[in-house]
Amino acid sequence: MTIMTSSSASHGGCGSSCGCAPSTPRAPIACSLDGPAVPDRLKEWAAALRPVVDRTPIDGGLRLSFSSEVDLAALASLAAAEQRCCPFFYFSLTIDERGIALEVTAPDDAAAVVGALFGEAA
């Protein structure tokens, strides 16, 4: 099962290798949260990422693998909230034979933002 929140990625959710036509223009690398809300959001992500057991680099971002203690509803809600204020992110929550994971991707010029918010691959 995969749950994706769409972003302003250049393709309609099927990935850059499919050859389909771009669906929307790329969003700027910017966050619309106002200053006082940023520390609270960072705390939310810190709490949500505690059950991460592995960080693996993927094309354009990072795959975060979680232990079974992860609160899936809270993680999905937080990813959706993040995508609303930072539409350059693309999130994919996956539950399959490998376990539970959140894949986070962004344009190349936002790689530092992905690393700062979600951690670096081991």
PDB file of N, CA and C in Angstrom:
ATOM      1  N   MET A   1       0.845  -1.170   0.000  1.00  0.00           N
ATOM      2  CA  MET A   1       0.000   0.000   0.000  1.00  0.00           C
ATOM      3  C   MET A   1       0.887   1.229   0.000  1.00  0.00           C
ATOM      4  N   THR A   2       0.591   2.187  -0.844  1.00  0.00           N
ATOM      5  CA  THR A   2       1.345   3.427  -0.905  1.00  0.00           C
ATOM      6  C   THR A   2       0.382   4.587  -0.840  1.00  0.00           C
ATOM      7  N   ILE A   3       0.658   5.524   0.039  1.00  0.00           N
ATOM      8  CA  ILE A   3      -0.120   6.745   0.134  1.00  0.00           C
ATOM      9  C   ILE A   3       0.807   7.871  -0.239  1.00  0.00           C
ATOM     10  N   MET A   4       0.430   8.670  -1.230  1.00  0.00           N
ATOM     11  CA  MET A   4       1.291   9.754  -1.678  1.00  0.00           C
ATOM     12  C   MET A   4       0.555  11.075  -1.541  1.00  0.00           C
ATOM     13  N   THR A   5       1.273  12.090  -1.099  1.00  0.00           N
ATOM     14  CA  THR A   5       0.729  13.432  -1.172  1.00  0.00           C
ATOM     15  C   THR A   5       1.404  14.080  -2.347  1.00  0.00           C
ATOM     16  N   SER A   6       0.627  14.592  -3.250  1.00  0.00           N
ATOM     17  CA  SER A   6       1.230  15.161  -4.450  1.00  0.00           C
ATOM     18  C   SER A   6       1.819  16.513  -4.154  1.00  0.00           C
ATOM     19  N   SER A   7       2.849  16.802  -4.847  1.00  0.00           N
ATOM     20  CA  SER A   7       3.481  18.106  -4.736  1.00  0.00           C
ATOM     21  C   SER A   7       3.489  18.724  -6.110  1.00  0.00           C
ATOM     22  N   SER A   8       4.220  19.754  -6.243  1.00  0.00           N
ATOM     23  CA  SER A   8       4.342  20.389  -7.545  1.00  0.00           C
ATOM     24  C   SER A   8       5.492  19.788  -8.327  1.00  0.00           C
ATOM     25  N   ALA A   9       5.713  18.516  -8.137  1.00  0.00           N
ATOM     26  CA  ALA A   9       6.748  17.833  -8.906  1.00  0.00           C
ATOM     27  C   ALA A   9       6.412  17.950 -10.381  1.00  0.00           C
ATOM     28  N   SER A  10       7.403  17.779 -11.198  1.00  0.00           N
ATOM     29  CA  SER A  10       7.199  18.000 -12.623  1.00  0.00           C
ATOM     30  C   SER A  10       6.380  16.908 -13.293  1.00  0.00           C
ATOM     31  N   HIS A  11       6.129  15.810 -12.622  1.00  0.00           N
ATOM     32  CA  HIS A  11       5.344  14.731 -13.196  1.00  0.00           C
ATOM     33  C   HIS A  11       4.164  14.446 -12.286  1.00  0.00           C
ATOM     34  N   GLY A  12       3.135  13.865 -12.811  1.00  0.00           N
ATOM     35  CA  GLY A  12       1.891  13.642 -12.108  1.00  0.00           C
ATOM     36  C   GLY A  12       1.917  12.494 -11.125  1.00  0.00           C
ATOM     37  N   GLY A  13       2.994  12.266 -10.404  1.00  0.00           N
ATOM     38  CA  GLY A  13       3.069  11.229  -9.404  1.00  0.00           C
ATOM     39  C   GLY A  13       3.631   9.918  -9.916  1.00  0.00           C
ATOM     40  N   CYS A  14       3.947   9.821 -11.197  1.00  0.00           N
ATOM     41  CA  CYS A  14       4.433   8.564 -11.745  1.00  0.00           C
ATOM     42  C   CYS A  14       5.953   8.527 -11.827  1.00  0.00           C
ATOM     43  N   GLY A  15       6.614   9.583 -11.461  1.00  0.00           N
ATOM     44  CA  GLY A  15       8.068   9.598 -11.478  1.00  0.00           C
ATOM     45  C   GLY A  15       8.625  10.219 -12.740  1.00  0.00           C
ATOM     46  N   SER A  16       9.863  10.626 -12.674  1.00  0.00           N
ATOM     47  CA  SER A  16      10.469  11.338 -13.795  1.00  0.00           C
ATOM     48  C   SER A  16      10.867  10.427 -14.940  1.00  0.00           C
ATOM     49  N   SER A  17      10.931   9.111 -14.709  1.00  0.00           N
ATOM     50  CA  SER A  17      11.390   8.214 -15.758  1.00  0.00           C
ATOM     51  C   SER A  17      10.274   7.689 -16.650  1.00  0.00           C
ATOM     52  N   CYS A  18       9.030   8.053 -16.393  1.00  0.00           N
ATOM     53  CA  CYS A  18       7.926   7.466 -17.157  1.00  0.00           C
ATOM     54  C   CYS A  18       7.760   8.096 -18.531  1.00  0.00           C
ATOM     55  N   GLY A  19       8.217   9.319 -18.715  1.00  0.00           N
ATOM     56  CA  GLY A  19       8.088   9.969 -20.007  1.00  0.00           C
ATOM     57  C   GLY A  19       6.794  10.732 -20.195  1.00  0.00           C
ATOM     58  N   CYS A  20       5.961  10.809 -19.153  1.00  0.00           N
ATOM     59  CA  CYS A  20       4.712  11.545 -19.308  1.00  0.00           C
ATOM     60  C   CYS A  20       4.975  13.051 -19.325  1.00  0.00           C
ATOM     61  N   ALA A  21       3.997  13.793 -19.752  1.00  0.00           N
ATOM     62  CA  ALA A  21       4.138  15.246 -19.817  1.00  0.00           C
ATOM     63  C   ALA A  21       4.044  15.842 -18.422  1.00  0.00           C
ATOM     64  N   PRO A  22       4.780  16.906 -18.138  1.00  0.00           N
ATOM     65  CA  PRO A  22       4.673  17.563 -16.842  1.00  0.00           C
ATOM     66  C   PRO A  22       3.240  18.002 -16.574  1.00  0.00           C
ATOM     67  N   SER A  23       2.800  17.827 -15.306  1.00  0.00           N
ATOM     68  CA  SER A  23       1.428  18.170 -14.973  1.00  0.00           C
ATOM     69  C   SER A  23       1.302  19.567 -14.367  1.00  0.00           C
ATOM     70  N   THR A  24       2.309  20.001 -13.638  1.00  0.00           N
ATOM     71  CA  THR A  24       2.259  21.315 -13.005  1.00  0.00           C
ATOM     72  C   THR A  24       3.654  21.907 -12.958  1.00  0.00           C
ATOM     73  N   PRO A  25       3.763  23.217 -12.853  1.00  0.00           N
ATOM     74  CA  PRO A  25       5.087  23.818 -12.716  1.00  0.00           C
ATOM     75  C   PRO A  25       5.700  23.483 -11.354  1.00  0.00           C
ATOM     76  N   ARG A  26       7.003  23.547 -11.268  1.00  0.00           N
ATOM     77  CA  ARG A  26       7.705  23.247 -10.030  1.00  0.00           C
ATOM     78  C   ARG A  26       7.493  24.356  -9.008  1.00  0.00           C
ATOM     79  N   ALA A  27       7.261  23.968  -7.770  1.00  0.00           N
ATOM     80  CA  ALA A  27       7.069  24.927  -6.685  1.00  0.00           C
ATOM     81  C   ALA A  27       8.416  25.493  -6.254  1.00  0.00           C
ATOM     82  N   PRO A  28       8.430  26.730  -5.790  1.00  0.00           N
ATOM     83  CA  PRO A  28       9.684  27.292  -5.281  1.00  0.00           C
ATOM     84  C   PRO A  28      10.102  26.579  -3.992  1.00  0.00           C
ATOM     85  N   ILE A  29      11.397  26.589  -3.725  1.00  0.00           N
ATOM     86  CA  ILE A  29      11.916  26.000  -2.488  1.00  0.00           C
ATOM     87  C   ILE A  29      11.682  27.030  -1.391  1.00  0.00           C
ATOM     88  N   ALA A  30      10.514  26.955  -0.782  1.00  0.00           N
ATOM     89  CA  ALA A  30      10.123  27.922   0.244  1.00  0.00           C
ATOM     90  C   ALA A  30       9.075  27.296   1.143  1.00  0.00           C
ATOM     91  N   CYS A  31       8.991  27.782   2.366  1.00  0.00           N
ATOM     92  CA  CYS A  31       8.017  27.323   3.344  1.00  0.00           C
ATOM     93  C   CYS A  31       7.079  28.474   3.684  1.00  0.00           C
ATOM     94  N   SER A  32       5.788  28.194   3.727  1.00  0.00           N
ATOM     95  CA  SER A  32       4.815  29.245   4.023  1.00  0.00           C
ATOM     96  C   SER A  32       4.447  29.330   5.497  1.00  0.00           C
ATOM     97  N   LEU A  33       5.047  28.505   6.358  1.00  0.00           N
ATOM     98  CA  LEU A  33       4.766  28.619   7.795  1.00  0.00           C
ATOM     99  C   LEU A  33       5.269  29.960   8.301  1.00  0.00           C
ATOM    100  N   ASP A  34       4.491  30.564   9.200  1.00  0.00           N
ATOM    101  CA  ASP A  34       4.979  31.802   9.788  1.00  0.00           C
ATOM    102  C   ASP A  34       5.999  31.471  10.869  1.00  0.00           C
ATOM    103  N   GLY A  35       6.848  32.420  11.186  1.00  0.00           N
ATOM    104  CA  GLY A  35       7.970  32.229  12.101  1.00  0.00           C
ATOM    105  C   GLY A  35       7.659  31.489  13.391  1.00  0.00           C
ATOM    106  N   PRO A  36       6.638  31.880  14.140  1.00  0.00           N
ATOM    107  CA  PRO A  36       6.348  31.199  15.407  1.00  0.00           C
ATOM    108  C   PRO A  36       5.933  29.729  15.250  1.00  0.00           C
ATOM    109  N   ALA A  37       5.412  29.336  14.104  1.00  0.00           N
ATOM    110  CA  ALA A  37       4.967  27.957  13.903  1.00  0.00           C
ATOM    111  C   ALA A  37       6.114  27.009  13.566  1.00  0.00           C
ATOM    112  N   VAL A  38       7.231  27.547  13.117  1.00  0.00           N
ATOM    113  CA  VAL A  38       8.351  26.706  12.678  1.00  0.00           C
ATOM    114  C   VAL A  38       8.918  25.846  13.814  1.00  0.00           C
ATOM    115  N   PRO A  39       9.224  26.397  14.990  1.00  0.00           N
ATOM    116  CA  PRO A  39       9.766  25.538  16.053  1.00  0.00           C
ATOM    117  C   PRO A  39       8.817  24.399  16.449  1.00  0.00           C
ATOM    118  N   ASP A  40       7.519  24.673  16.461  1.00  0.00           N
ATOM    119  CA  ASP A  40       6.559  23.616  16.784  1.00  0.00           C
ATOM    120  C   ASP A  40       6.577  22.522  15.727  1.00  0.00           C
ATOM    121  N   ARG A  41       6.658  22.897  14.456  1.00  0.00           N
ATOM    122  CA  ARG A  41       6.698  21.900  13.394  1.00  0.00           C
ATOM    123  C   ARG A  41       7.965  21.067  13.491  1.00  0.00           C
ATOM    124  N   LEU A  42       9.096  21.704  13.797  1.00  0.00           N
ATOM    125  CA  LEU A  42      10.347  20.954  13.945  1.00  0.00           C
ATOM    126  C   LEU A  42      10.253  19.950  15.091  1.00  0.00           C
ATOM    127  N   LYS A  43       9.592  20.332  16.183  1.00  0.00           N
ATOM    128  CA  LYS A  43       9.384  19.408  17.310  1.00  0.00           C
ATOM    129  C   LYS A  43       8.487  18.247  16.896  1.00  0.00           C
ATOM    130  N   GLU A  44       7.455  18.522  16.096  1.00  0.00           N
ATOM    131  CA  GLU A  44       6.575  17.460  15.613  1.00  0.00           C
ATOM    132  C   GLU A  44       7.357  16.446  14.787  1.00  0.00           C
ATOM    133  N   TRP A  45       8.229  16.943  13.897  1.00  0.00           N
ATOM    134  CA  TRP A  45       9.019  16.031  13.082  1.00  0.00           C
ATOM    135  C   TRP A  45      10.003  15.243  13.945  1.00  0.00           C
ATOM    136  N   ALA A  46      10.620  15.898  14.913  1.00  0.00           N
ATOM    137  CA  ALA A  46      11.562  15.183  15.793  1.00  0.00           C
ATOM    138  C   ALA A  46      10.859  14.023  16.498  1.00  0.00           C
ATOM    139  N   ALA A  47       9.657  14.256  16.990  1.00  0.00           N
ATOM    140  CA  ALA A  47       8.896  13.196  17.660  1.00  0.00           C
ATOM    141  C   ALA A  47       8.481  12.105  16.675  1.00  0.00           C
ATOM    142  N   ALA A  48       8.010  12.497  15.499  1.00  0.00           N
ATOM    143  CA  ALA A  48       7.551  11.529  14.505  1.00  0.00           C
ATOM    144  C   ALA A  48       8.682  10.653  13.990  1.00  0.00           C
ATOM    145  N   LEU A  49       9.906  11.189  13.980  1.00  0.00           N
ATOM    146  CA  LEU A  49      11.047  10.446  13.439  1.00  0.00           C
ATOM    147  C   LEU A  49      11.771   9.585  14.476  1.00  0.00           C
ATOM    148  N   ARG A  50      11.355   9.635  15.728  1.00  0.00           N
ATOM    149  CA  ARG A  50      12.013   8.800  16.752  1.00  0.00           C
ATOM    150  C   ARG A  50      12.004   7.312  16.405  1.00  0.00           C
ATOM    151  N   PRO A  51      10.905   6.770  15.844  1.00  0.00           N
ATOM    152  CA  PRO A  51      10.923   5.331  15.512  1.00  0.00           C
ATOM    153  C   PRO A  51      11.655   4.970  14.216  1.00  0.00           C
ATOM    154  N   VAL A  52      12.374   5.914  13.611  1.00  0.00           N
ATOM    155  CA  VAL A  52      13.134   5.594  12.400  1.00  0.00           C
ATOM    156  C   VAL A  52      14.273   4.644  12.762  1.00  0.00           C
ATOM    157  N   VAL A  53      14.361   3.554  12.000  1.00  0.00           N
ATOM    158  CA  VAL A  53      15.422   2.573  12.242  1.00  0.00           C
ATOM    159  C   VAL A  53      16.482   2.576  11.150  1.00  0.00           C
ATOM    160  N   ASP A  54      16.160   3.231  10.010  1.00  0.00           N
ATOM    161  CA  ASP A  54      17.132   3.281   8.923  1.00  0.00           C
ATOM    162  C   ASP A  54      16.800   4.447   8.000  1.00  0.00           C
ATOM    163  N   ARG A  55      17.829   5.088   7.501  1.00  0.00           N
ATOM    164  CA  ARG A  55      17.708   6.138   6.495  1.00  0.00           C
ATOM    165  C   ARG A  55      18.538   5.714   5.292  1.00  0.00           C
ATOM    166  N   THR A  56      17.873   5.571   4.155  1.00  0.00           N
ATOM    167  CA  THR A  56      18.522   5.095   2.948  1.00  0.00           C
ATOM    168  C   THR A  56      18.375   6.145   1.855  1.00  0.00           C
ATOM    169  N   PRO A  57      19.470   6.480   1.183  1.00  0.00           N
ATOM    170  CA  PRO A  57      19.332   7.445   0.082  1.00  0.00           C
ATOM    171  C   PRO A  57      18.543   6.818  -1.066  1.00  0.00           C
ATOM    172  N   ILE A  58      17.680   7.615  -1.677  1.00  0.00           N
ATOM    173  CA  ILE A  58      16.951   7.221  -2.874  1.00  0.00           C
ATOM    174  C   ILE A  58      17.106   8.351  -3.881  1.00  0.00           C
ATOM    175  N   ASP A  59      16.729   8.114  -5.103  1.00  0.00           N
ATOM    176  CA  ASP A  59      16.824   9.129  -6.134  1.00  0.00           C
ATOM    177  C   ASP A  59      16.016  10.360  -5.730  1.00  0.00           C
ATOM    178  N   GLY A  60      16.680  11.461  -5.501  1.00  0.00           N
ATOM    179  CA  GLY A  60      16.017  12.707  -5.150  1.00  0.00           C
ATOM    180  C   GLY A  60      15.686  12.880  -3.684  1.00  0.00           C
ATOM    181  N   GLY A  61      16.120  11.950  -2.838  1.00  0.00           N
ATOM    182  CA  GLY A  61      15.777  12.124  -1.432  1.00  0.00           C
ATOM    183  C   GLY A  61      16.210  11.005  -0.514  1.00  0.00           C
ATOM    184  N   LEU A  62      15.276  10.597   0.337  1.00  0.00           N
ATOM    185  CA  LEU A  62      15.600   9.724   1.451  1.00  0.00           C
ATOM    186  C   LEU A  62      14.433   8.792   1.739  1.00  0.00           C
ATOM    187  N   ARG A  63      14.736   7.529   2.029  1.00  0.00           N
ATOM    188  CA  ARG A  63      13.725   6.573   2.497  1.00  0.00           C
ATOM    189  C   ARG A  63      13.947   6.380   3.984  1.00  0.00           C
ATOM    190  N   LEU A  64      12.922   6.696   4.771  1.00  0.00           N
ATOM    191  CA  LEU A  64      12.971   6.539   6.216  1.00  0.00           C
ATOM    192  C   LEU A  64      12.205   5.275   6.584  1.00  0.00           C
ATOM    193  N   SER A  65      12.889   4.272   7.127  1.00  0.00           N
ATOM    194  CA  SER A  65      12.240   3.031   7.545  1.00  0.00           C
ATOM    195  C   SER A  65      11.940   3.116   9.032  1.00  0.00           C
ATOM    196  N   PHE A  66      10.735   2.689   9.406  1.00  0.00           N
ATOM    197  CA  PHE A  66      10.257   2.832  10.783  1.00  0.00           C
ATOM    198  C   PHE A  66      10.087   1.491  11.474  1.00  0.00           C
ATOM    199  N   SER A  67      10.199   1.514  12.794  1.00  0.00           N
ATOM    200  CA  SER A  67       9.858   0.350  13.598  1.00  0.00           C
ATOM    201  C   SER A  67       8.332   0.241  13.632  1.00  0.00           C
ATOM    202  N   SER A  68       7.844  -0.855  14.155  1.00  0.00           N
ATOM    203  CA  SER A  68       6.399  -1.071  14.205  1.00  0.00           C
ATOM    204  C   SER A  68       5.687  -0.141  15.184  1.00  0.00           C
ATOM    205  N   GLU A  69       6.430   0.587  16.002  1.00  0.00           N
ATOM    206  CA  GLU A  69       5.808   1.505  16.965  1.00  0.00           C
ATOM    207  C   GLU A  69       5.368   2.828  16.348  1.00  0.00           C
ATOM    208  N   VAL A  70       5.622   3.050  15.075  1.00  0.00           N
ATOM    209  CA  VAL A  70       5.270   4.312  14.446  1.00  0.00           C
ATOM    210  C   VAL A  70       3.753   4.496  14.442  1.00  0.00           C
ATOM    211  N   ASP A  71       3.322   5.711  14.688  1.00  0.00           N
ATOM    212  CA  ASP A  71       1.909   6.078  14.610  1.00  0.00           C
ATOM    213  C   ASP A  71       1.640   6.502  13.162  1.00  0.00           C
ATOM    214  N   LEU A  72       1.093   5.574  12.371  1.00  0.00           N
ATOM    215  CA  LEU A  72       0.906   5.831  10.943  1.00  0.00           C
ATOM    216  C   LEU A  72      -0.021   7.006  10.668  1.00  0.00           C
ATOM    217  N   ALA A  73      -1.096   7.105  11.421  1.00  0.00           N
ATOM    218  CA  ALA A  73      -2.042   8.211  11.201  1.00  0.00           C
ATOM    219  C   ALA A  73      -1.372   9.549  11.467  1.00  0.00           C
ATOM    220  N   ALA A  74      -0.616   9.636  12.551  1.00  0.00           N
ATOM    221  CA  ALA A  74       0.075  10.886  12.880  1.00  0.00           C
ATOM    222  C   ALA A  74       1.138  11.206  11.833  1.00  0.00           C
ATOM    223  N   LEU A  75       1.865  10.190  11.368  1.00  0.00           N
ATOM    224  CA  LEU A  75       2.899  10.401  10.357  1.00  0.00           C
ATOM    225  C   LEU A  75       2.287  10.895   9.051  1.00  0.00           C
ATOM    226  N   ALA A  76       1.208  10.273   8.617  1.00  0.00           N
ATOM    227  CA  ALA A  76       0.535  10.696   7.384  1.00  0.00           C
ATOM    228  C   ALA A  76      -0.009  12.113   7.513  1.00  0.00           C
ATOM    229  N   SER A  77      -0.581  12.426   8.656  1.00  0.00           N
ATOM    230  CA  SER A  77      -1.122  13.766   8.887  1.00  0.00           C
ATOM    231  C   SER A  77      -0.013  14.820   8.864  1.00  0.00           C
ATOM    232  N   LEU A  78       1.111  14.515   9.486  1.00  0.00           N
ATOM    233  CA  LEU A  78       2.230  15.450   9.517  1.00  0.00           C
ATOM    234  C   LEU A  78       2.823  15.642   8.122  1.00  0.00           C
ATOM    235  N   ALA A  79       2.957  14.565   7.362  1.00  0.00           N
ATOM    236  CA  ALA A  79       3.477  14.679   5.998  1.00  0.00           C
ATOM    237  C   ALA A  79       2.546  15.539   5.144  1.00  0.00           C
ATOM    238  N   ALA A  80       1.248  15.359   5.302  1.00  0.00           N
ATOM    239  CA  ALA A  80       0.283  16.162   4.542  1.00  0.00           C
ATOM    240  C   ALA A  80       0.369  17.633   4.940  1.00  0.00           C
ATOM    241  N   ALA A  81       0.513  17.902   6.230  1.00  0.00           N
ATOM    242  CA  ALA A  81       0.642  19.290   6.697  1.00  0.00           C
ATOM    243  C   ALA A  81       1.928  19.919   6.169  1.00  0.00           C
ATOM    244  N   GLU A  82       3.006  19.147   6.149  1.00  0.00           N
ATOM    245  CA  GLU A  82       4.287  19.661   5.647  1.00  0.00           C
ATOM    246  C   GLU A  82       4.207  19.972   4.161  1.00  0.00           C
ATOM    247  N   GLN A  83       3.534  19.113   3.419  1.00  0.00           N
ATOM    248  CA  GLN A  83       3.425  19.323   1.984  1.00  0.00           C
ATOM    249  C   GLN A  83       2.604  20.573   1.666  1.00  0.00           C
ATOM    250  N   ARG A  84       1.632  20.887   2.522  1.00  0.00           N
ATOM    251  CA  ARG A  84       0.833  22.104   2.307  1.00  0.00           C
ATOM    252  C   ARG A  84       1.673  23.370   2.463  1.00  0.00           C
ATOM    253  N   CYS A  85       2.605  23.383   3.408  1.00  0.00           N
ATOM    254  CA  CYS A  85       3.406  24.594   3.612  1.00  0.00           C
ATOM    255  C   CYS A  85       4.701  24.572   2.794  1.00  0.00           C
ATOM    256  N   CYS A  86       5.149  23.394   2.407  1.00  0.00           N
ATOM    257  CA  CYS A  86       6.373  23.232   1.616  1.00  0.00           C
ATOM    258  C   CYS A  86       6.049  22.359   0.407  1.00  0.00           C
ATOM    259  N   PRO A  87       5.361  22.908  -0.595  1.00  0.00           N
ATOM    260  CA  PRO A  87       4.878  22.089  -1.707  1.00  0.00           C
ATOM    261  C   PRO A  87       5.957  21.522  -2.618  1.00  0.00           C
ATOM    262  N   PHE A  88       7.210  21.831  -2.361  1.00  0.00           N
ATOM    263  CA  PHE A  88       8.287  21.243  -3.163  1.00  0.00           C
ATOM    264  C   PHE A  88       8.630  19.835  -2.697  1.00  0.00           C
ATOM    265  N   PHE A  89       8.153  19.430  -1.502  1.00  0.00           N
ATOM    266  CA  PHE A  89       8.372  18.070  -1.010  1.00  0.00           C
ATOM    267  C   PHE A  89       7.393  17.107  -1.672  1.00  0.00           C
ATOM    268  N   TYR A  90       7.813  15.862  -1.824  1.00  0.00           N
ATOM    269  CA  TYR A  90       6.964  14.784  -2.292  1.00  0.00           C
ATOM    270  C   TYR A  90       7.103  13.662  -1.284  1.00  0.00           C
ATOM    271  N   PHE A  91       5.987  13.216  -0.724  1.00  0.00           N
ATOM    272  CA  PHE A  91       5.993  12.181   0.306  1.00  0.00           C
ATOM    273  C   PHE A  91       5.278  10.935  -0.200  1.00  0.00           C
ATOM    274  N   SER A  92       5.831   9.798   0.129  1.00  0.00           N
ATOM    275  CA  SER A  92       5.197   8.523  -0.183  1.00  0.00           C
ATOM    276  C   SER A  92       5.318   7.630   1.050  1.00  0.00           C
ATOM    277  N   LEU A  93       4.176   7.297   1.651  1.00  0.00           N
ATOM    278  CA  LEU A  93       4.137   6.407   2.807  1.00  0.00           C
ATOM    279  C   LEU A  93       3.870   5.003   2.276  1.00  0.00           C
ATOM    280  N   THR A  94       4.789   4.088   2.551  1.00  0.00           N
ATOM    281  CA  THR A  94       4.707   2.740   1.997  1.00  0.00           C
ATOM    282  C   THR A  94       4.665   1.705   3.113  1.00  0.00           C
ATOM    283  N   ILE A  95       3.739   0.755   2.949  1.00  0.00           N
ATOM    284  CA  ILE A  95       3.642  -0.388   3.849  1.00  0.00           C
ATOM    285  C   ILE A  95       3.677  -1.616   2.947  1.00  0.00           C
ATOM    286  N   ASP A  96       4.761  -2.364   3.029  1.00  0.00           N
ATOM    287  CA  ASP A  96       4.903  -3.539   2.172  1.00  0.00           C
ATOM    288  C   ASP A  96       5.774  -4.576   2.871  1.00  0.00           C
ATOM    289  N   GLU A  97       6.257  -5.564   2.111  1.00  0.00           N
ATOM    290  CA  GLU A  97       7.045  -6.646   2.703  1.00  0.00           C
ATOM    291  C   GLU A  97       8.347  -6.156   3.344  1.00  0.00           C
ATOM    292  N   ARG A  98       8.788  -4.963   2.982  1.00  0.00           N
ATOM    293  CA  ARG A  98      10.008  -4.404   3.582  1.00  0.00           C
ATOM    294  C   ARG A  98       9.728  -3.750   4.927  1.00  0.00           C
ATOM    295  N   GLY A  99       8.470  -3.457   5.202  1.00  0.00           N
ATOM    296  CA  GLY A  99       8.092  -2.796   6.446  1.00  0.00           C
ATOM    297  C   GLY A  99       7.382  -1.486   6.162  1.00  0.00           C
ATOM    298  N   ILE A 100       7.516  -0.557   7.074  1.00  0.00           N
ATOM    299  CA  ILE A 100       6.866   0.750   6.992  1.00  0.00           C
ATOM    300  C   ILE A 100       7.927   1.790   6.676  1.00  0.00           C
ATOM    301  N   ALA A 101       7.649   2.631   5.681  1.00  0.00           N
ATOM    302  CA  ALA A 101       8.639   3.645   5.304  1.00  0.00           C
ATOM    303  C   ALA A 101       7.947   4.899   4.784  1.00  0.00           C
ATOM    304  N   LEU A 102       8.641   5.997   4.948  1.00  0.00           N
ATOM    305  CA  LEU A 102       8.246   7.268   4.364  1.00  0.00           C
ATOM    306  C   LEU A 102       9.369   7.679   3.433  1.00  0.00           C
ATOM    307  N   GLU A 103       9.037   7.840   2.159  1.00  0.00           N
ATOM    308  CA  GLU A 103      10.015   8.329   1.205  1.00  0.00           C
ATOM    309  C   GLU A 103       9.771   9.810   1.005  1.00  0.00           C
ATOM    310  N   VAL A 104      10.839  10.584   1.143  1.00  0.00           N
ATOM    311  CA  VAL A 104      10.775  12.039   1.006  1.00  0.00           C
ATOM    312  C   VAL A 104      11.697  12.430  -0.133  1.00  0.00           C
ATOM    313  N   THR A 105      11.133  13.086  -1.137  1.00  0.00           N
ATOM    314  CA  THR A 105      11.955  13.577  -2.230  1.00  0.00           C
ATOM    315  C   THR A 105      11.666  15.047  -2.471  1.00  0.00           C
ATOM    316  N   ALA A 106      12.601  15.679  -3.135  1.00  0.00           N
ATOM    317  CA  ALA A 106      12.500  17.106  -3.433  1.00  0.00           C
ATOM    318  C   ALA A 106      13.439  17.400  -4.597  1.00  0.00           C
ATOM    319  N   PRO A 107      13.290  18.566  -5.216  1.00  0.00           N
ATOM    320  CA  PRO A 107      14.233  18.944  -6.277  1.00  0.00           C
ATOM    321  C   PRO A 107      15.673  18.950  -5.750  1.00  0.00           C
ATOM    322  N   ASP A 108      16.624  18.786  -6.653  1.00  0.00           N
ATOM    323  CA  ASP A 108      18.035  18.737  -6.263  1.00  0.00           C
ATOM    324  C   ASP A 108      18.465  19.939  -5.427  1.00  0.00           C
ATOM    325  N   ASP A 109      17.930  21.116  -5.739  1.00  0.00           N
ATOM    326  CA  ASP A 109      18.349  22.299  -4.983  1.00  0.00           C
ATOM    327  C   ASP A 109      17.747  22.368  -3.592  1.00  0.00           C
ATOM    328  N   ALA A 110      16.949  21.369  -3.206  1.00  0.00           N
ATOM    329  CA  ALA A 110      16.409  21.300  -1.846  1.00  0.00           C
ATOM    330  C   ALA A 110      17.003  20.126  -1.065  1.00  0.00           C
ATOM    331  N   ALA A 111      18.050  19.502  -1.578  1.00  0.00           N
ATOM    332  CA  ALA A 111      18.656  18.349  -0.911  1.00  0.00           C
ATOM    333  C   ALA A 111      19.105  18.681   0.508  1.00  0.00           C
ATOM    334  N   ALA A 112      19.643  19.853   0.717  1.00  0.00           N
ATOM    335  CA  ALA A 112      20.079  20.240   2.068  1.00  0.00           C
ATOM    336  C   ALA A 112      18.899  20.357   3.018  1.00  0.00           C
ATOM    337  N   VAL A 113      17.754  20.795   2.512  1.00  0.00           N
ATOM    338  CA  VAL A 113      16.552  20.911   3.340  1.00  0.00           C
ATOM    339  C   VAL A 113      16.076  19.528   3.762  1.00  0.00           C
ATOM    340  N   VAL A 114      16.082  18.580   2.821  1.00  0.00           N
ATOM    341  CA  VAL A 114      15.688  17.195   3.140  1.00  0.00           C
ATOM    342  C   VAL A 114      16.595  16.654   4.232  1.00  0.00           C
ATOM    343  N   GLY A 115      17.892  16.821   4.081  1.00  0.00           N
ATOM    344  CA  GLY A 115      18.837  16.327   5.082  1.00  0.00           C
ATOM    345  C   GLY A 115      18.668  16.996   6.434  1.00  0.00           C
ATOM    346  N   ALA A 116      18.438  18.290   6.441  1.00  0.00           N
ATOM    347  CA  ALA A 116      18.297  19.013   7.702  1.00  0.00           C
ATOM    348  C   ALA A 116      17.032  18.612   8.446  1.00  0.00           C
ATOM    349  N   LEU A 117      15.950  18.410   7.729  1.00  0.00           N
ATOM    350  CA  LEU A 117      14.675  18.097   8.382  1.00  0.00           C
ATOM    351  C   LEU A 117      14.516  16.625   8.709  1.00  0.00           C
ATOM    352  N   PHE A 118      14.985  15.747   7.828  1.00  0.00           N
ATOM    353  CA  PHE A 118      14.714  14.329   7.984  1.00  0.00           C
ATOM    354  C   PHE A 118      15.941  13.491   8.337  1.00  0.00           C
ATOM    355  N   GLY A 119      17.109  14.100   8.387  1.00  0.00           N
ATOM    356  CA  GLY A 119      18.325  13.393   8.742  1.00  0.00           C
ATOM    357  C   GLY A 119      19.085  12.937   7.508  1.00  0.00           C
ATOM    358  N   GLU A 120      20.273  12.486   7.722  1.00  0.00           N
ATOM    359  CA  GLU A 120      21.138  12.023   6.640  1.00  0.00           C
ATOM    360  C   GLU A 120      21.125  10.504   6.602  1.00  0.00           C
ATOM    361  N   ALA A 121      21.313   9.954   5.412  1.00  0.00           N
ATOM    362  CA  ALA A 121      21.386   8.507   5.248  1.00  0.00           C
ATOM    363  C   ALA A 121      22.577   7.960   6.003  1.00  0.00           C
ATOM    364  N   ALA A 122      22.399   6.778   6.551  1.00  0.00           N
ATOM    365  CA  ALA A 122      23.475   6.142   7.336  1.00  0.00           C
ATOM    366  C   ALA A 122      24.545   5.573   6.444  1.00  0.00           C
TER     367      ALA A 122
END
